[in-house]
N, C-alpha and C. Protein backbone atom coordinates (compact mmCIF):
# COMPACT_ATOMS: atom_id res chain seq x y z
N MET A 1 7.57 15.01 -17.41
CA MET A 1 7.13 13.76 -18.11
C MET A 1 6.09 14.18 -18.71
N HIS A 2 5.52 14.13 -19.30
CA HIS A 2 4.13 13.84 -19.78
C HIS A 2 3.40 12.39 -19.63
N PRO A 3 1.99 13.02 -19.49
CA PRO A 3 1.17 11.59 -19.15
C PRO A 3 1.17 10.50 -20.30
N SER A 4 0.84 9.05 -19.77
CA SER A 4 1.32 7.97 -21.08
C SER A 4 0.16 8.10 -21.85
N LYS A 5 0.25 7.91 -22.89
CA LYS A 5 -0.64 8.05 -24.50
C LYS A 5 -1.90 7.08 -23.71
N ASP A 6 -1.69 6.12 -22.81
CA ASP A 6 -2.85 5.09 -22.70
C ASP A 6 -4.03 5.33 -21.15
N VAL A 7 -3.45 6.84 -20.96
CA VAL A 7 -4.35 6.98 -20.30
C VAL A 7 -5.53 7.63 -20.72
N ASP A 8 -6.96 6.71 -20.18
CA ASP A 8 -7.71 7.09 -20.85
C ASP A 8 -8.35 8.44 -20.15
N PRO A 9 -9.49 8.83 -21.22
CA PRO A 9 -9.96 10.53 -20.70
C PRO A 9 -10.15 10.89 -19.36
N LYS A 10 -11.21 9.58 -18.97
CA LYS A 10 -11.24 10.30 -17.80
C LYS A 10 -10.62 10.37 -16.26
N THR A 11 -9.83 9.50 -16.88
CA THR A 11 -8.30 9.58 -15.78
C THR A 11 -7.47 10.82 -16.71
N ARG A 12 -7.32 11.38 -17.60
CA ARG A 12 -6.66 12.68 -18.21
C ARG A 12 -6.60 13.59 -17.01
N SER A 13 -7.26 14.20 -16.42
CA SER A 13 -7.04 14.78 -15.89
C SER A 13 -6.80 14.64 -14.59
N LEU A 14 -6.28 14.03 -14.01
CA LEU A 14 -5.81 13.30 -12.80
C LEU A 14 -4.71 13.51 -13.49
N ALA A 15 -4.10 12.76 -14.05
CA ALA A 15 -2.81 12.49 -14.76
C ALA A 15 -2.18 13.61 -15.12
N SER A 16 -2.60 14.89 -15.71
CA SER A 16 -2.14 16.21 -15.83
C SER A 16 -1.66 16.60 -14.84
N VAL A 17 -2.49 16.44 -13.85
CA VAL A 17 -2.48 16.83 -12.16
C VAL A 17 -0.89 16.91 -12.06
N LEU A 18 -0.67 15.30 -11.84
CA LEU A 18 0.28 14.79 -11.52
C LEU A 18 1.53 14.36 -12.42
N GLN A 19 1.07 15.34 -13.67
CA GLN A 19 2.05 15.30 -14.74
C GLN A 19 3.83 15.46 -14.21
N GLY A 20 4.07 16.44 -13.20
CA GLY A 20 5.08 16.55 -11.91
C GLY A 20 5.70 15.36 -11.27
N THR A 21 5.16 14.61 -11.22
CA THR A 21 5.25 13.04 -10.07
C THR A 21 6.40 12.20 -10.61
N PRO A 22 7.75 12.36 -10.18
CA PRO A 22 8.78 11.43 -10.96
C PRO A 22 8.52 10.12 -10.95
N PHE A 23 6.81 9.50 -10.99
CA PHE A 23 6.29 8.13 -11.50
C PHE A 23 6.04 8.45 -13.11
N PRO A 24 6.16 7.09 -14.19
CA PRO A 24 5.00 7.04 -14.96
C PRO A 24 3.68 6.75 -14.21
N LEU A 25 2.85 7.18 -15.00
CA LEU A 25 1.52 6.84 -15.02
C LEU A 25 0.94 5.96 -15.57
N ARG A 26 0.04 4.96 -15.54
CA ARG A 26 -0.74 4.10 -16.92
C ARG A 26 -2.23 3.66 -16.12
N THR A 27 -2.86 3.23 -17.06
CA THR A 27 -4.03 2.78 -16.95
C THR A 27 -4.28 1.47 -17.04
N SER A 28 -5.05 0.90 -17.47
CA SER A 28 -5.54 -0.48 -18.38
C SER A 28 -6.77 -0.62 -18.51
N GLN A 29 -7.65 -0.96 -19.57
CA GLN A 29 -8.81 -1.40 -19.69
C GLN A 29 -9.43 -1.97 -18.45
N GLY A 30 -10.22 -1.38 -17.45
CA GLY A 30 -11.29 -2.21 -16.50
C GLY A 30 -10.57 -1.66 -15.33
N ARG A 31 -9.81 -1.03 -15.17
CA ARG A 31 -8.87 -0.85 -13.56
C ARG A 31 -9.76 0.79 -13.13
N ARG A 32 -10.57 0.79 -12.36
CA ARG A 32 -10.79 2.32 -11.70
C ARG A 32 -9.66 3.69 -11.24
N PHE A 33 -8.37 2.90 -11.00
CA PHE A 33 -7.92 3.92 -10.39
C PHE A 33 -6.31 3.96 -11.29
N VAL A 34 -5.95 5.00 -11.38
CA VAL A 34 -4.74 5.38 -12.03
C VAL A 34 -3.51 4.11 -11.35
N ARG A 35 -2.68 3.32 -12.11
CA ARG A 35 -1.36 2.56 -11.50
C ARG A 35 -0.13 3.45 -11.55
N VAL A 36 0.65 3.81 -10.19
CA VAL A 36 2.11 4.25 -10.65
C VAL A 36 2.67 3.27 -10.75
N GLU A 37 3.58 2.91 -11.59
CA GLU A 37 4.78 2.19 -11.67
C GLU A 37 5.92 2.68 -10.89
N LEU A 38 6.47 1.97 -10.27
CA LEU A 38 7.14 2.51 -9.30
C LEU A 38 8.71 1.25 -9.10
N SER A 39 9.58 1.25 -8.44
CA SER A 39 10.46 0.55 -7.74
C SER A 39 10.58 0.83 -6.88
N SER A 40 9.80 0.36 -5.63
CA SER A 40 10.37 1.04 -4.45
C SER A 40 10.19 -0.28 -3.27
N SER A 41 11.22 -0.03 -2.69
CA SER A 41 11.53 -1.08 -1.53
C SER A 41 10.07 -1.02 -0.37
N THR A 42 9.93 -1.81 0.18
CA THR A 42 8.62 -2.32 1.76
C THR A 42 9.17 -2.81 2.70
N ARG A 43 8.77 -2.72 3.64
CA ARG A 43 8.80 -4.15 4.83
C ARG A 43 7.53 -4.44 5.16
N PHE A 44 7.63 -5.11 5.50
CA PHE A 44 5.90 -6.13 5.77
C PHE A 44 5.83 -6.64 6.74
N ARG A 45 5.17 -7.24 7.68
CA ARG A 45 4.39 -8.16 8.96
C ARG A 45 3.36 -8.79 8.05
N VAL A 46 3.30 -10.10 8.01
CA VAL A 46 1.97 -10.85 7.89
C VAL A 46 1.30 -10.75 9.37
N LEU A 47 -0.34 -11.11 8.74
CA LEU A 47 -1.27 -10.82 10.33
C LEU A 47 -1.94 -11.98 9.79
N THR A 48 -2.62 -12.52 10.57
CA THR A 48 -2.98 -14.01 10.79
C THR A 48 -4.12 -14.00 11.34
N CYS A 49 -5.06 -13.92 11.23
CA CYS A 49 -6.20 -14.32 12.50
C CYS A 49 -7.11 -15.52 12.51
N ASN A 50 -7.05 -15.64 13.64
CA ASN A 50 -7.50 -17.45 13.84
C ASN A 50 -8.52 -17.53 15.40
N ARG A 51 -9.34 -17.86 15.07
CA ARG A 51 -10.41 -17.70 16.67
C ARG A 51 -10.58 -16.08 16.53
N ARG A 52 -10.71 -15.49 16.36
CA ARG A 52 -11.10 -13.97 17.15
C ARG A 52 -9.24 -13.82 17.74
N ARG A 53 -8.56 -14.21 17.52
CA ARG A 53 -7.26 -13.80 18.03
C ARG A 53 -6.34 -13.10 16.54
N ILE A 54 -5.62 -12.28 16.98
CA ILE A 54 -4.66 -11.62 15.71
C ILE A 54 -3.37 -12.38 16.14
N LYS A 55 -2.18 -12.63 15.08
CA LYS A 55 -0.95 -12.62 15.69
C LYS A 55 -0.25 -12.14 14.39
N LEU A 56 0.58 -11.67 14.80
CA LEU A 56 1.74 -10.97 14.09
C LEU A 56 3.09 -11.53 13.86
N SER A 57 3.49 -11.85 12.60
CA SER A 57 4.68 -12.50 12.63
C SER A 57 6.05 -11.43 13.54
N LYS A 58 6.73 -12.49 13.99
CA LYS A 58 7.54 -11.69 14.58
C LYS A 58 8.88 -11.02 13.69
N LYS A 59 8.98 -11.60 12.36
CA LYS A 59 9.39 -11.39 11.55
C LYS A 59 9.04 -9.90 10.32
N GLN A 60 9.91 -9.36 10.45
CA GLN A 60 9.92 -8.64 9.12
C GLN A 60 10.43 -8.84 7.21
N HIS A 61 9.78 -8.95 6.94
CA HIS A 61 10.08 -9.18 5.72
C HIS A 61 10.11 -8.43 4.86
N ASN A 62 10.84 -8.47 3.41
CA ASN A 62 11.18 -6.99 2.64
C ASN A 62 10.53 -7.53 1.35
N GLY A 63 10.20 -6.30 0.97
CA GLY A 63 9.52 -6.72 -0.94
C GLY A 63 10.08 -5.61 -1.57
N GLU A 64 9.01 -5.52 -2.91
CA GLU A 64 9.53 -4.44 -3.72
C GLU A 64 8.25 -3.95 -4.46
N ILE A 65 7.84 -2.66 -4.20
CA ILE A 65 6.38 -2.14 -4.82
C ILE A 65 6.87 -2.30 -6.24
N LEU A 66 5.83 -2.82 -7.25
CA LEU A 66 5.68 -2.92 -8.63
C LEU A 66 5.57 -1.83 -9.11
N ASN A 67 3.66 -1.93 -8.29
CA ASN A 67 2.65 -0.61 -9.17
C ASN A 67 1.89 -0.54 -7.68
N LEU A 68 1.57 0.49 -7.63
CA LEU A 68 0.66 1.17 -6.17
C LEU A 68 -0.45 2.14 -7.21
N ALA A 69 -1.97 1.88 -6.83
CA ALA A 69 -2.94 2.44 -7.12
C ALA A 69 -3.48 2.65 -5.51
N GLU A 70 -4.56 3.33 -5.57
CA GLU A 70 -5.13 4.41 -4.48
C GLU A 70 -6.17 3.25 -3.94
N SER A 71 -6.33 1.50 -4.83
CA SER A 71 -7.32 0.35 -4.24
C SER A 71 -5.96 -0.27 -3.49
N GLY A 72 -4.71 -0.49 -3.97
CA GLY A 72 -4.13 -1.26 -3.43
C GLY A 72 -2.45 -1.56 -4.16
N MET A 73 -2.10 -2.96 -4.57
CA MET A 73 -0.35 -2.77 -5.31
C MET A 73 -0.31 -4.46 -5.46
N LEU A 74 0.88 -4.07 -6.23
CA LEU A 74 1.63 -5.20 -6.62
C LEU A 74 2.86 -5.12 -5.59
N LEU A 75 3.08 -6.39 -4.97
CA LEU A 75 4.77 -6.59 -4.44
C LEU A 75 5.29 -7.41 -5.11
N ALA A 76 6.61 -7.60 -4.69
CA ALA A 76 7.13 -8.97 -5.52
C ALA A 76 7.99 -8.90 -4.18
N THR A 77 8.06 -10.16 -3.69
CA THR A 77 8.82 -10.66 -2.31
C THR A 77 9.35 -12.20 -2.43
N ASP A 78 10.54 -12.58 -1.85
CA ASP A 78 11.40 -13.73 -1.80
C ASP A 78 10.46 -14.64 -0.52
N SER A 79 9.79 -14.16 0.21
CA SER A 79 9.40 -14.81 1.61
C SER A 79 8.22 -15.29 1.38
N ALA A 80 7.54 -16.52 1.95
CA ALA A 80 6.64 -16.91 1.72
C ALA A 80 5.32 -16.41 2.52
N ILE A 81 4.57 -16.40 1.57
CA ILE A 81 3.04 -15.54 1.76
C ILE A 81 2.30 -16.23 2.18
N PRO A 82 0.91 -16.27 3.16
CA PRO A 82 -0.05 -17.21 2.92
C PRO A 82 -0.90 -16.62 2.09
N GLU A 83 -1.93 -17.90 1.08
CA GLU A 83 -2.90 -17.00 0.31
C GLU A 83 -3.97 -16.11 0.93
N GLN A 84 -4.45 -15.98 1.92
CA GLN A 84 -5.18 -15.49 2.56
C GLN A 84 -4.59 -14.67 3.76
N GLY A 85 -5.34 -13.67 4.43
CA GLY A 85 -4.83 -12.72 5.01
C GLY A 85 -4.80 -11.68 5.37
N PHE A 86 -3.95 -10.76 6.02
CA PHE A 86 -3.58 -9.64 6.34
C PHE A 86 -1.77 -9.31 6.14
N ILE A 87 -1.15 -8.22 5.32
CA ILE A 87 -0.09 -7.75 5.56
C ILE A 87 -0.15 -6.22 6.20
N LEU A 88 0.65 -5.68 7.12
CA LEU A 88 0.95 -4.87 7.66
C LEU A 88 2.22 -4.23 7.10
N LEU A 89 2.14 -3.20 6.40
CA LEU A 89 2.94 -2.37 5.64
C LEU A 89 3.70 -1.18 6.32
N THR A 90 4.81 -1.18 6.03
CA THR A 90 5.84 0.38 6.25
C THR A 90 6.07 0.34 4.73
N LEU A 91 5.77 1.48 3.84
CA LEU A 91 5.92 2.04 2.36
C LEU A 91 6.77 3.32 2.61
N ASN A 92 8.18 3.09 2.23
CA ASN A 92 8.90 4.04 1.43
C ASN A 92 8.96 4.72 -0.01
N LEU A 93 7.81 5.50 -0.66
CA LEU A 93 7.28 5.70 -1.74
C LEU A 93 8.32 6.09 -2.25
N ASN A 94 9.99 6.19 -2.89
CA ASN A 94 10.78 6.76 -3.50
C ASN A 94 11.26 7.64 -2.81
N GLY A 95 11.42 7.16 -1.14
CA GLY A 95 12.00 8.48 -0.69
C GLY A 95 11.50 9.14 -0.05
N LEU A 96 10.52 10.02 -0.98
CA LEU A 96 9.61 11.37 -0.81
C LEU A 96 8.51 10.90 0.51
N VAL A 97 7.63 10.01 1.06
CA VAL A 97 6.96 10.05 2.66
C VAL A 97 7.18 8.55 3.04
N THR A 98 7.14 8.50 4.44
CA THR A 98 7.20 7.10 4.42
C THR A 98 5.94 6.73 5.20
N LEU A 99 5.13 5.77 4.81
CA LEU A 99 3.73 5.35 5.28
C LEU A 99 3.93 3.80 6.23
N GLU A 100 4.09 4.30 7.85
CA GLU A 100 3.57 3.15 8.83
C GLU A 100 2.54 2.74 8.92
N GLY A 101 2.30 1.31 9.26
CA GLY A 101 0.48 0.61 9.70
C GLY A 101 -0.50 0.45 8.68
N VAL A 102 -0.08 0.58 7.50
CA VAL A 102 -0.64 0.16 6.39
C VAL A 102 -1.25 -0.59 5.85
N LEU A 103 -2.91 -1.08 5.78
CA LEU A 103 -3.13 -2.59 6.53
C LEU A 103 -3.39 -2.86 4.93
N GLY A 104 -3.34 -4.12 4.58
CA GLY A 104 -3.44 -4.82 3.06
C GLY A 104 -3.95 -6.07 3.26
N LYS A 105 -5.03 -6.36 2.31
CA LYS A 105 -5.64 -7.63 2.57
C LYS A 105 -4.97 -8.44 1.45
N ILE A 106 -4.67 -9.61 1.96
CA ILE A 106 -3.87 -10.30 0.64
C ILE A 106 -5.10 -10.92 -0.50
N LYS A 107 -4.96 -10.97 -1.55
CA LYS A 107 -6.28 -11.31 -2.89
C LYS A 107 -5.72 -11.67 -3.42
N ARG A 108 -4.41 -12.11 -3.83
CA ARG A 108 -3.89 -13.29 -4.57
C ARG A 108 -1.85 -13.59 -4.87
N VAL A 109 -1.19 -14.79 -4.52
CA VAL A 109 -0.23 -14.98 -3.84
C VAL A 109 0.15 -16.15 -5.64
N GLU A 110 1.20 -15.11 -6.26
CA GLU A 110 1.54 -15.81 -7.77
C GLU A 110 2.92 -16.16 -7.62
N PRO A 111 3.17 -17.18 -8.23
CA PRO A 111 5.13 -17.24 -8.43
C PRO A 111 5.52 -16.11 -9.53
N SER A 112 6.47 -15.44 -9.57
CA SER A 112 6.60 -14.52 -10.54
C SER A 112 8.31 -15.75 -11.51
N GLY A 113 8.35 -16.69 -11.30
CA GLY A 113 9.06 -17.57 -12.35
C GLY A 113 10.45 -16.76 -12.46
N GLN A 114 10.88 -16.13 -11.13
CA GLN A 114 12.26 -15.82 -10.91
C GLN A 114 12.72 -16.13 -9.59
N GLY A 115 12.11 -17.29 -8.61
CA GLY A 115 12.09 -17.80 -7.41
C GLY A 115 11.47 -17.21 -6.67
N ASP A 116 10.71 -15.52 -6.90
CA ASP A 116 9.85 -15.23 -5.85
C ASP A 116 8.45 -15.18 -6.00
N SER A 117 7.52 -14.25 -5.66
CA SER A 117 6.36 -14.38 -5.51
C SER A 117 5.87 -12.87 -5.61
N LEU A 118 4.34 -12.61 -6.63
CA LEU A 118 3.95 -11.68 -7.08
C LEU A 118 2.88 -11.77 -6.23
N VAL A 119 2.61 -10.69 -5.22
CA VAL A 119 1.72 -10.59 -4.05
C VAL A 119 0.42 -9.17 -4.43
N GLY A 120 -0.79 -9.86 -4.59
CA GLY A 120 -1.80 -8.63 -5.12
C GLY A 120 -2.52 -8.17 -3.55
N LEU A 121 -1.84 -6.83 -3.08
CA LEU A 121 -2.82 -6.55 -2.47
C LEU A 121 -3.78 -5.36 -2.33
N GLN A 122 -5.14 -5.32 -0.93
CA GLN A 122 -6.02 -4.38 -1.59
C GLN A 122 -6.39 -3.88 -0.31
N PHE A 123 -5.80 -2.28 -0.52
CA PHE A 123 -6.10 -1.08 0.55
C PHE A 123 -7.26 -1.66 1.41
N VAL A 124 -6.86 -2.10 2.64
CA VAL A 124 -8.46 -2.15 3.51
C VAL A 124 -8.38 -1.41 4.85
N PRO A 125 -9.40 -0.96 5.06
CA PRO A 125 -9.67 0.04 6.36
C PRO A 125 -9.51 -0.59 7.61
N ARG A 126 -9.14 -0.62 8.99
CA ARG A 126 -9.07 -1.05 9.43
C ARG A 126 -10.29 -2.21 10.28
N GLU A 127 -11.34 -1.68 9.72
CA GLU A 127 -12.95 -1.81 10.18
C GLU A 127 -12.87 -3.23 9.41
N GLU A 128 -12.42 -3.45 8.31
CA GLU A 128 -12.08 -4.81 7.52
C GLU A 128 -11.38 -5.55 8.39
N LEU A 129 -10.28 -5.70 9.43
CA LEU A 129 -9.60 -6.40 10.25
C LEU A 129 -10.37 -6.79 11.37
N GLU A 130 -11.20 -5.78 11.48
CA GLU A 130 -12.34 -5.84 13.07
C GLU A 130 -13.57 -6.72 12.96
N ARG A 131 -13.75 -7.36 11.60
CA ARG A 131 -14.55 -8.15 11.20
C ARG A 131 -13.79 -9.41 11.70
N TYR A 132 -12.52 -9.75 11.59
CA TYR A 132 -12.28 -11.58 12.12
C TYR A 132 -11.15 -11.07 13.56
N THR A 133 -11.16 -10.00 14.07
CA THR A 133 -10.77 -10.08 15.29
C THR A 133 -11.47 -8.74 16.68
N SER A 134 -11.27 -8.74 17.85
CA SER A 134 -11.65 -7.45 18.43
C SER A 134 -10.81 -6.69 18.16
N THR A 135 -10.84 -5.40 18.29
CA THR A 135 -10.93 -4.02 18.65
C THR A 135 -9.56 -4.20 19.78
N GLU A 136 -9.65 -4.55 20.62
CA GLU A 136 -8.52 -4.87 21.72
C GLU A 136 -7.17 -5.65 21.03
N GLU A 137 -7.67 -6.17 20.28
CA GLU A 137 -6.81 -7.10 19.45
C GLU A 137 -5.36 -6.70 18.66
N ILE A 138 -6.32 -5.22 17.99
CA ILE A 138 -5.81 -4.52 16.79
C ILE A 138 -5.36 -3.64 17.54
N GLU A 139 -5.85 -2.82 19.14
CA GLU A 139 -5.24 -2.37 20.00
C GLU A 139 -3.87 -2.24 20.61
N SER A 140 -3.80 -4.12 20.50
CA SER A 140 -2.36 -4.16 20.93
C SER A 140 -1.58 -4.61 20.25
N LEU A 141 -1.67 -4.25 18.73
CA LEU A 141 -0.44 -4.41 17.95
C LEU A 141 0.41 -3.19 17.65
N PRO A 142 2.07 -3.09 17.54
CA PRO A 142 2.92 -2.37 17.92
C PRO A 142 2.90 -1.17 17.09
N VAL A 143 1.76 -0.98 16.32
CA VAL A 143 1.77 0.04 15.75
C VAL A 143 0.23 0.22 15.32
N THR A 144 -0.17 1.77 14.77
CA THR A 144 -1.40 2.13 14.63
C THR A 144 -1.76 1.31 13.26
N VAL A 145 -2.89 0.65 13.21
CA VAL A 145 -3.17 0.23 11.54
C VAL A 145 -4.41 0.89 11.34
N SER A 146 -3.74 1.62 10.08
CA SER A 146 -4.66 1.99 9.32
C SER A 146 -5.20 2.03 7.87
N SER A 147 -5.61 2.69 6.83
CA SER A 147 -5.66 2.39 5.51
C SER A 147 -4.64 3.56 4.93
N PHE A 148 -4.63 2.64 3.88
CA PHE A 148 -3.49 3.52 2.77
C PHE A 148 -3.81 5.28 2.70
N ASN A 149 -5.09 4.82 2.41
CA ASN A 149 -5.65 6.79 2.08
C ASN A 149 -5.56 7.59 3.47
N GLN A 150 -6.07 7.18 4.44
CA GLN A 150 -6.10 7.51 5.65
C GLN A 150 -4.38 8.10 6.35
N LYS A 151 -3.57 6.78 6.17
CA LYS A 151 -2.29 7.11 6.04
C LYS A 151 -1.48 8.38 5.32
N LEU A 152 -1.93 8.56 4.09
CA LEU A 152 -1.48 9.43 3.01
C LEU A 152 -2.23 10.59 3.49
N ARG A 153 -3.12 11.00 4.42
CA ARG A 153 -4.06 11.78 4.26
C ARG A 153 -3.46 12.59 5.46
N GLN A 154 -2.94 11.74 6.77
CA GLN A 154 -2.00 12.00 7.63
C GLN A 154 -0.88 12.29 7.08
N ALA A 155 0.13 12.04 5.89
CA ALA A 155 1.35 12.77 6.04
C ALA A 155 1.58 13.73 4.89
N ILE A 156 0.04 13.69 4.47
CA ILE A 156 0.18 15.12 3.29
C ILE A 156 -0.24 16.27 4.63
N ALA A 157 -1.19 16.10 5.41
CA ALA A 157 -1.59 16.91 6.49
C ALA A 157 -0.43 17.32 7.31
N SER A 158 -0.14 16.39 8.12
CA SER A 158 1.45 16.50 8.36
C SER A 158 2.62 17.61 7.80
N TYR A 159 2.67 17.43 6.05
CA TYR A 159 3.50 18.27 5.62
C TYR A 159 3.33 19.80 5.12
N LEU A 160 1.73 19.73 5.41
CA LEU A 160 1.45 21.23 5.12
C LEU A 160 1.62 21.88 6.33
N ARG A 161 1.03 21.53 7.52
CA ARG A 161 1.47 21.71 9.17
C ARG A 161 3.08 22.38 8.39
N THR A 162 4.07 21.21 9.01
CA THR A 162 5.40 21.80 8.12
C THR A 162 5.79 22.78 7.65
N ALA A 163 5.11 22.96 6.34
CA ALA A 163 5.36 24.33 5.77
C ALA A 163 4.95 25.43 5.75
N GLU A 164 3.91 25.43 6.54
CA GLU A 164 3.38 26.46 6.95
C GLU A 164 3.99 27.15 8.48
N LEU A 165 4.73 25.86 9.15
CA LEU A 165 4.80 26.56 10.14
C LEU A 165 6.42 27.28 9.79
N ALA A 166 7.44 26.79 8.85
CA ALA A 166 8.00 27.06 8.45
C ALA A 166 8.05 28.41 7.27
N ALA A 167 7.12 28.91 7.16
CA ALA A 167 6.24 29.94 6.16
C ALA A 167 6.26 31.19 7.33
N ARG A 168 6.21 30.78 8.55
CA ARG A 168 6.01 31.99 9.21
C ARG A 168 7.08 32.87 9.73
């Protein structure tokens, strides 16, 4: 696979590094990060904050990741999603790695015209959630909450440790 022709020169070096990835790479004018187009299922729960209390939906919702960048993602779902708040994600990146407890801030929700919604999420660090609730509330959640980048770094570190042990 070769990097897409619409990748600008600033990101071409990243695209060439990632040319072995199974995902097509795209950028567009005005975007800071390379967007990876993919179709991968995801599960998530909605987090709402009210009066410094946090509420995690009991129901796990399903969705499909349409594109992914370092800063966020576009998600399609047939679940009702509030216009504001947070989502706690379990991302299965095309079977390569599963990241649990990824915190996303809802930036926009739009109907897709096909009966579901398109949800634009910004990946945010745990500290963003701490602005709305207490550390104790966050610690009481059933999964460790972290940013996408932190979860990805943990997955890579775990993989490298496993590969190192296997090489011994």
